[in-house]
Protein backbone atom coordinates (compact mmCIF):
# COMPACT_ATOMS: atom_id res chain seq x y z
CA UNK A 1 22.20 -22.60 31.31
CA UNK A 2 18.74 -22.16 32.86
CA UNK A 3 17.51 -20.27 29.79
CA UNK A 4 18.77 -22.99 27.45
CA UNK A 5 17.07 -25.69 29.56
CA UNK A 6 13.80 -23.73 29.42
CA UNK A 7 13.99 -23.50 25.64
CA UNK A 8 14.94 -27.17 25.25
CA UNK A 9 12.05 -28.19 27.49
CA UNK A 10 9.61 -25.99 25.55
CA UNK A 11 10.65 -27.58 22.23
CA UNK A 12 10.51 -31.06 23.77
CA UNK A 13 6.98 -30.54 25.11
CA UNK A 14 5.77 -29.43 21.67
CA UNK A 15 7.50 -32.38 20.00
CA UNK A 16 6.26 -34.99 22.51
CA UNK A 17 2.78 -33.51 22.97
CA UNK A 18 2.80 -33.45 26.77
CA UNK A 19 4.85 -32.47 29.80
CA UNK A 20 4.87 -36.07 30.97
CA UNK A 21 6.30 -37.42 27.70
CA UNK A 22 8.97 -34.70 27.61
CA UNK A 23 9.87 -35.41 31.24
CA UNK A 24 10.10 -39.16 30.60
CA UNK A 25 12.44 -38.59 27.64
CA UNK A 26 14.74 -36.45 29.80
CA UNK A 27 14.43 -38.63 32.90
CA UNK A 28 13.02 -35.93 35.20
CA UNK A 29 9.70 -35.36 36.95
CA UNK A 30 6.91 -33.64 34.96
CA UNK A 31 6.87 -30.91 37.59
CA UNK A 32 10.44 -29.97 36.60
CA UNK A 33 9.38 -29.46 32.98
CA UNK A 34 6.32 -27.51 34.12
CA UNK A 35 8.42 -25.14 36.23
CA UNK A 36 10.76 -24.51 33.31
CA UNK A 37 7.84 -23.65 31.00
CA UNK A 38 6.30 -21.38 33.66
CA UNK A 39 9.64 -19.61 34.14
CA UNK A 40 10.07 -19.17 30.38
CA UNK A 41 6.57 -17.69 29.96
CA UNK A 42 7.08 -15.39 32.95
CA UNK A 43 10.42 -14.18 31.62
CA UNK A 44 9.00 -13.50 28.15
CA UNK A 45 5.75 -12.05 29.43
CA UNK A 46 3.62 -14.09 27.01
CA UNK A 47 1.66 -17.33 27.07
CA UNK A 48 3.35 -19.93 24.85
CA UNK A 49 1.27 -23.02 25.54
CA UNK A 50 -2.39 -23.63 26.22
CA UNK A 51 -2.53 -26.54 28.66
CA UNK A 52 -5.61 -28.62 29.49
CA UNK A 53 -5.95 -32.03 31.09
CA UNK A 54 -6.18 -33.61 27.63
CA UNK A 55 -3.88 -31.71 25.29
CA UNK A 56 -1.30 -29.01 24.83
CA UNK A 57 -1.45 -26.52 21.97
CA UNK A 58 0.64 -23.55 20.90
CA UNK A 59 -0.59 -19.98 21.11
CA UNK A 60 0.13 -17.69 18.15
CA UNK A 61 3.12 -16.28 20.02
CA UNK A 62 4.18 -19.78 20.99
CA UNK A 63 4.07 -20.99 17.38
CA UNK A 64 6.35 -18.17 16.18
CA UNK A 65 8.71 -18.63 19.14
CA UNK A 66 8.80 -22.40 18.59
CA UNK A 67 10.10 -21.96 15.03
CA UNK A 68 12.85 -19.62 16.26
CA UNK A 69 13.78 -22.01 19.09
CA UNK A 70 14.05 -24.95 16.69
CA UNK A 71 16.36 -22.94 14.47
CA UNK A 72 18.53 -21.79 17.39
CA UNK A 73 18.88 -25.31 18.78
CA UNK A 74 19.73 -26.65 15.32
CA UNK A 75 22.39 -23.97 14.84
CA UNK A 76 23.82 -24.71 18.28
CA UNK A 77 24.01 -28.42 17.44
CA UNK A 78 25.68 -27.56 14.14
CA UNK A 79 28.24 -25.36 15.89
CA UNK A 80 29.10 -28.15 18.33
CA UNK A 81 29.31 -30.66 15.50
CA UNK A 82 31.67 -28.37 13.58
CA UNK A 83 34.10 -28.38 16.48
CA UNK A 84 33.81 -32.06 17.35
CA UNK A 85 33.91 -33.22 13.72
CA UNK A 86 37.27 -31.57 13.14
CA UNK A 87 38.70 -32.79 9.89
CA UNK A 88 36.14 -35.57 9.41
CA UNK A 89 34.72 -35.61 5.89
CA UNK A 90 31.03 -35.93 5.08
CA UNK A 91 30.21 -39.39 3.75
CA UNK A 92 27.36 -41.83 3.25
CA UNK A 93 24.08 -41.72 1.38
CA UNK A 94 21.97 -38.55 1.51
CA UNK A 95 18.22 -38.83 0.85
CA UNK A 96 16.50 -35.55 -0.01
CA UNK A 97 12.95 -34.69 -1.08
CA UNK A 98 11.60 -31.45 -2.56
CA UNK A 99 8.47 -30.20 -4.37
CA UNK A 100 8.59 -31.17 -8.04
CA UNK A 101 8.62 -27.70 -9.61
CA UNK A 102 10.95 -26.04 -7.11
CA UNK A 103 13.16 -29.11 -7.00
CA UNK A 104 13.66 -29.14 -10.76
CA UNK A 105 14.64 -25.47 -10.82
CA UNK A 106 16.40 -24.89 -7.51
CA UNK A 107 17.50 -28.18 -5.96
CA UNK A 108 18.56 -30.55 -8.74
CA UNK A 109 20.87 -27.98 -10.43
CA UNK A 110 22.76 -27.53 -7.14
CA UNK A 111 23.50 -31.23 -6.60
CA UNK A 112 26.57 -31.46 -8.91
CA UNK A 113 28.25 -28.57 -7.09
CA UNK A 114 27.49 -30.12 -3.72
CA UNK A 115 28.84 -33.52 -4.74
CA UNK A 116 32.01 -31.98 -6.14
CA UNK A 117 32.68 -30.54 -2.68
CA UNK A 118 31.82 -33.81 -0.92
CA UNK A 119 32.99 -36.69 -3.13
CA UNK A 120 32.34 -39.32 -0.43
CA UNK A 121 28.59 -38.56 -0.36
CA UNK A 122 26.07 -40.31 -2.63
CA UNK A 123 22.70 -38.69 -3.29
CA UNK A 124 19.04 -39.62 -3.86
CA UNK A 125 16.61 -36.84 -4.81
CA UNK A 126 12.87 -37.46 -4.66
CA UNK A 127 10.80 -34.77 -6.41
CA UNK A 128 7.16 -34.95 -5.40
CA UNK A 129 4.36 -32.53 -4.53
CA UNK A 130 3.18 -35.06 -1.95
CA UNK A 131 4.16 -34.20 1.63
CA UNK A 132 6.66 -36.97 2.22
CA UNK A 133 6.78 -38.50 5.71
CA UNK A 134 10.50 -38.05 6.17
CA UNK A 135 10.68 -40.09 9.39
CA UNK A 136 8.82 -43.19 8.22
CA UNK A 137 10.15 -43.06 4.66
CA UNK A 138 13.81 -42.75 5.62
CA UNK A 139 14.42 -39.26 4.20
CA UNK A 140 17.24 -37.20 5.71
CA UNK A 141 15.97 -33.75 4.78
CA UNK A 142 13.04 -32.16 2.94
CA UNK A 143 13.09 -28.83 1.15
CA UNK A 144 9.62 -27.31 1.59
CA UNK A 145 8.08 -24.12 0.28
CA UNK A 146 5.37 -22.10 2.03
CA UNK A 147 3.77 -22.24 5.46
CA UNK A 148 4.75 -25.27 7.51
CA UNK A 149 2.22 -27.27 9.52
CA UNK A 150 2.82 -27.68 13.24
CA UNK A 151 4.86 -30.81 13.80
CA UNK A 152 7.69 -32.29 15.79
CA UNK A 153 10.05 -31.83 12.84
CA UNK A 154 12.84 -29.26 12.94
CA UNK A 155 12.98 -26.55 10.28
CA UNK A 156 15.58 -24.04 9.13
CA UNK A 157 14.47 -21.08 7.02
CA UNK A 158 16.62 -20.87 3.88
CA UNK A 159 15.04 -18.00 1.95
CA UNK A 160 11.86 -16.01 1.44
CA UNK A 161 9.10 -17.15 -0.89
CA UNK A 162 6.72 -14.57 -2.36
CA UNK A 163 3.65 -15.35 -4.47
CA UNK A 164 2.01 -13.18 -7.10
CA UNK A 165 -0.96 -13.29 -9.47
CA UNK A 166 0.01 -13.51 -13.14
CA UNK A 167 -1.73 -13.74 -16.50
CA UNK A 168 -0.70 -13.59 -20.14
CA UNK A 169 -1.08 -10.35 -22.12
CA UNK A 170 -3.48 -12.18 -24.47
CA UNK A 171 -5.78 -13.16 -21.59
CA UNK A 172 -5.81 -9.61 -20.16
CA UNK A 173 -6.53 -8.14 -23.58
CA UNK A 174 -9.43 -10.54 -24.02
CA UNK A 175 -10.96 -10.40 -20.53
CA UNK A 176 -9.56 -7.32 -18.80
CA UNK A 177 -7.31 -6.68 -15.79
CA UNK A 178 -8.54 -7.13 -12.20
CA UNK A 179 -7.85 -4.11 -9.99
CA UNK A 180 -8.78 -5.71 -6.66
CA UNK A 181 -8.69 -9.30 -5.36
CA UNK A 182 -12.48 -9.25 -5.02
CA UNK A 183 -12.70 -9.07 -8.82
CA UNK A 184 -11.01 -12.46 -9.28
CA UNK A 185 -14.33 -14.30 -9.12
CA UNK A 186 -15.24 -12.64 -12.43
CA UNK A 187 -12.14 -14.19 -14.05
CA UNK A 188 -10.91 -17.61 -15.10
CA UNK A 189 -8.62 -18.65 -12.22
CA UNK A 190 -6.22 -21.57 -12.52
CA UNK A 191 -6.03 -23.32 -9.16
CA UNK A 192 -4.26 -26.26 -7.60
CA UNK A 193 -6.60 -29.16 -6.93
CA UNK A 194 -7.54 -29.75 -3.30
CA UNK A 195 -5.24 -32.74 -2.91
CA UNK A 196 -2.16 -30.69 -3.79
CA UNK A 197 -1.71 -27.57 -1.61
CA UNK A 198 -2.93 -23.99 -1.18
CA UNK A 199 -5.82 -25.43 0.83
CA UNK A 200 -6.44 -22.05 2.45
CA UNK A 201 -6.66 -20.32 -0.92
CA UNK A 202 -4.78 -17.37 -2.38
CA UNK A 203 -3.33 -14.90 0.16
CA UNK A 204 -3.62 -11.12 -0.19
CA UNK A 205 -2.93 -8.17 2.08
CA UNK A 206 -6.13 -6.11 2.17
CA UNK A 207 -6.37 -3.07 4.47
CA UNK A 208 -3.36 -4.32 6.40
CA UNK A 209 -4.82 -7.79 7.05
CA UNK A 210 -3.83 -11.02 5.31
CA UNK A 211 -6.96 -12.42 3.68
CA UNK A 212 -7.31 -15.83 2.00
CA UNK A 213 -9.59 -16.09 -1.02
CA UNK A 214 -10.68 -19.22 -2.85
CA UNK A 215 -11.45 -18.06 -6.41
CA UNK A 216 -13.98 -20.05 -8.36
CA UNK A 217 -12.31 -22.17 -11.00
CA UNK A 218 -13.28 -24.05 -14.12
CA UNK A 219 -9.75 -25.45 -14.38
CA UNK A 220 -7.61 -26.97 -11.67
CA UNK A 221 -4.65 -29.32 -11.64
CA UNK A 222 -2.44 -31.03 -9.06
CA UNK A 223 0.71 -30.08 -11.03
CA UNK A 224 1.94 -26.50 -10.71
CA UNK A 225 3.89 -26.66 -13.97
CA UNK A 226 0.69 -27.43 -15.85
CA UNK A 227 -0.97 -24.39 -14.28
CA UNK A 228 2.03 -22.33 -15.34
CA UNK A 229 1.77 -23.60 -18.92
CA UNK A 230 -1.99 -22.96 -19.02
CA UNK A 231 -1.40 -19.44 -17.74
CA UNK A 232 1.20 -18.70 -20.43
CA UNK A 233 -1.24 -20.09 -23.00
CA UNK A 234 -3.79 -17.44 -21.99
CA UNK A 235 -6.27 -19.69 -20.20
CA UNK A 236 -6.57 -17.63 -17.03
CA UNK A 237 -4.98 -16.07 -13.95
CA UNK A 238 -2.66 -18.11 -11.72
CA UNK A 239 -1.22 -17.47 -8.25
CA UNK A 240 2.36 -18.67 -8.44
CA UNK A 241 5.68 -18.26 -6.66
CA UNK A 242 8.09 -15.59 -7.84
CA UNK A 243 10.85 -18.18 -8.31
CA UNK A 244 8.63 -19.85 -10.93
CA UNK A 245 7.25 -16.90 -12.91
CA UNK A 246 9.76 -14.05 -12.50
CA UNK A 247 11.57 -14.92 -15.72
CA UNK A 248 8.26 -14.86 -17.65
CA UNK A 249 7.33 -11.50 -16.11
CA UNK A 250 10.69 -10.00 -17.06
CA UNK A 251 10.33 -11.38 -20.59
CA UNK A 252 6.76 -10.06 -20.95
CA UNK A 253 5.30 -13.55 -21.39
CA UNK A 254 3.29 -13.01 -18.20
CA UNK A 255 2.06 -9.85 -16.49
CA UNK A 256 2.16 -9.44 -12.71
CA UNK A 257 -1.20 -8.44 -11.22
CA UNK A 258 -2.46 -7.01 -7.92
CA UNK A 259 1.08 -6.39 -6.65
CA UNK A 260 -0.15 -3.73 -4.21
CA UNK A 261 -2.15 -6.47 -2.46
CA UNK A 262 0.70 -9.00 -2.20
CA UNK A 263 0.76 -10.86 1.10
CA UNK A 264 3.98 -10.94 3.16
CA UNK A 265 6.38 -13.65 2.02
CA UNK A 266 6.46 -17.05 3.64
CA UNK A 267 9.54 -19.24 3.54
CA UNK A 268 11.64 -21.87 1.86
CA UNK A 269 12.74 -24.35 4.52
CA UNK A 270 14.99 -27.30 5.16
CA UNK A 271 13.01 -29.75 7.32
CA UNK A 272 14.54 -32.67 9.18
CA UNK A 273 13.74 -34.98 12.07
CA UNK A 274 16.31 -34.23 14.77
CA UNK A 275 18.85 -31.50 15.45
CA UNK A 276 20.88 -33.65 17.83
CA UNK A 277 23.36 -36.14 16.39
CA UNK A 278 22.68 -34.93 12.85
CA UNK A 279 24.90 -36.74 10.34
CA UNK A 280 27.59 -34.50 8.95
CA UNK A 281 26.35 -35.08 5.39
CA UNK A 282 22.95 -33.60 6.33
CA UNK A 283 24.47 -30.62 8.09
CA UNK A 284 26.76 -29.72 5.20
CA UNK A 285 23.83 -30.07 2.74
CA UNK A 286 21.73 -27.61 4.76
CA UNK A 287 24.69 -25.23 5.05
CA UNK A 288 25.20 -25.50 1.29
CA UNK A 289 21.57 -24.57 0.59
CA UNK A 290 21.77 -21.65 3.03
CA UNK A 291 24.87 -20.40 1.27
CA UNK A 292 23.33 -20.67 -2.20
CA UNK A 293 19.88 -19.29 -1.42
CA UNK A 294 21.27 -16.61 0.89
CA UNK A 295 23.26 -15.06 -1.96
CA UNK A 296 21.13 -12.45 -3.83
CA UNK A 297 23.23 -13.12 -6.93
CA UNK A 298 21.87 -16.68 -7.03
CA UNK A 299 18.28 -15.52 -7.56
CA UNK A 300 19.36 -12.92 -10.14
CA UNK A 301 21.23 -15.62 -12.04
CA UNK A 302 18.25 -17.97 -12.06
CA UNK A 303 15.88 -15.17 -13.11
CA UNK A 304 17.93 -13.27 -15.72
CA UNK A 305 16.69 -9.94 -17.00
């Protein structure tokens, strides 16, 4: 019980931004929260939080541990809900948002199957590359791809997401094939505009270290599908997710480049506001996504050879 309280307090401090706010929400003294955090850090042997008189921030170890703690608390809440819900059926209106390209390929096609299992649920799907404020805009759950910013939201990792550089055979025949990421600045690179994403640039693993490069670009766009189309048309090299370009690579329409420098995968996540008192319709939607994306046959079916 003490360990669980320590973890709950740690997550609450990160969400609320201070020991005092977390203590107020729980109805205890700030010193109680502080002792729990101290005990947690001592037990783990690492510093999780950097505390000053003005702010609290996560260390690198704390950030990784925070994601795991959120997932564990969400799964615990789901387990309790499964028992207490008994035979209750999911019902009500479910509001979901997802990135436009991923949502078209890997969220929208799943909705009919989900609704057939849960006929008392109605569904709204918002596809947008804008980071939707799910709390203030009344969204139950967001599907997000890539690195997540620090926030008070809860996330559950659904699958891995790997990115790769690709170009058309015609472009490579005309311009040549880069052998190292440093050569990308001599190529036409198709990049997302700054108001979209990939603000840190393209990620590569070079000499065992993840390095972010920002290739120079004569062409950029806020829509990933447009970049994909330009790439197939031979206009340059793009850095795209495997779920988007794998079918083209298998068909020979695009060629995968610099694979030996691929950065470790990031994730595909379900993001929501609160783990406690989660509506059953949200919980069964997240479980449904985990079931679909966790099946290797799903990705083979959506990227046929």
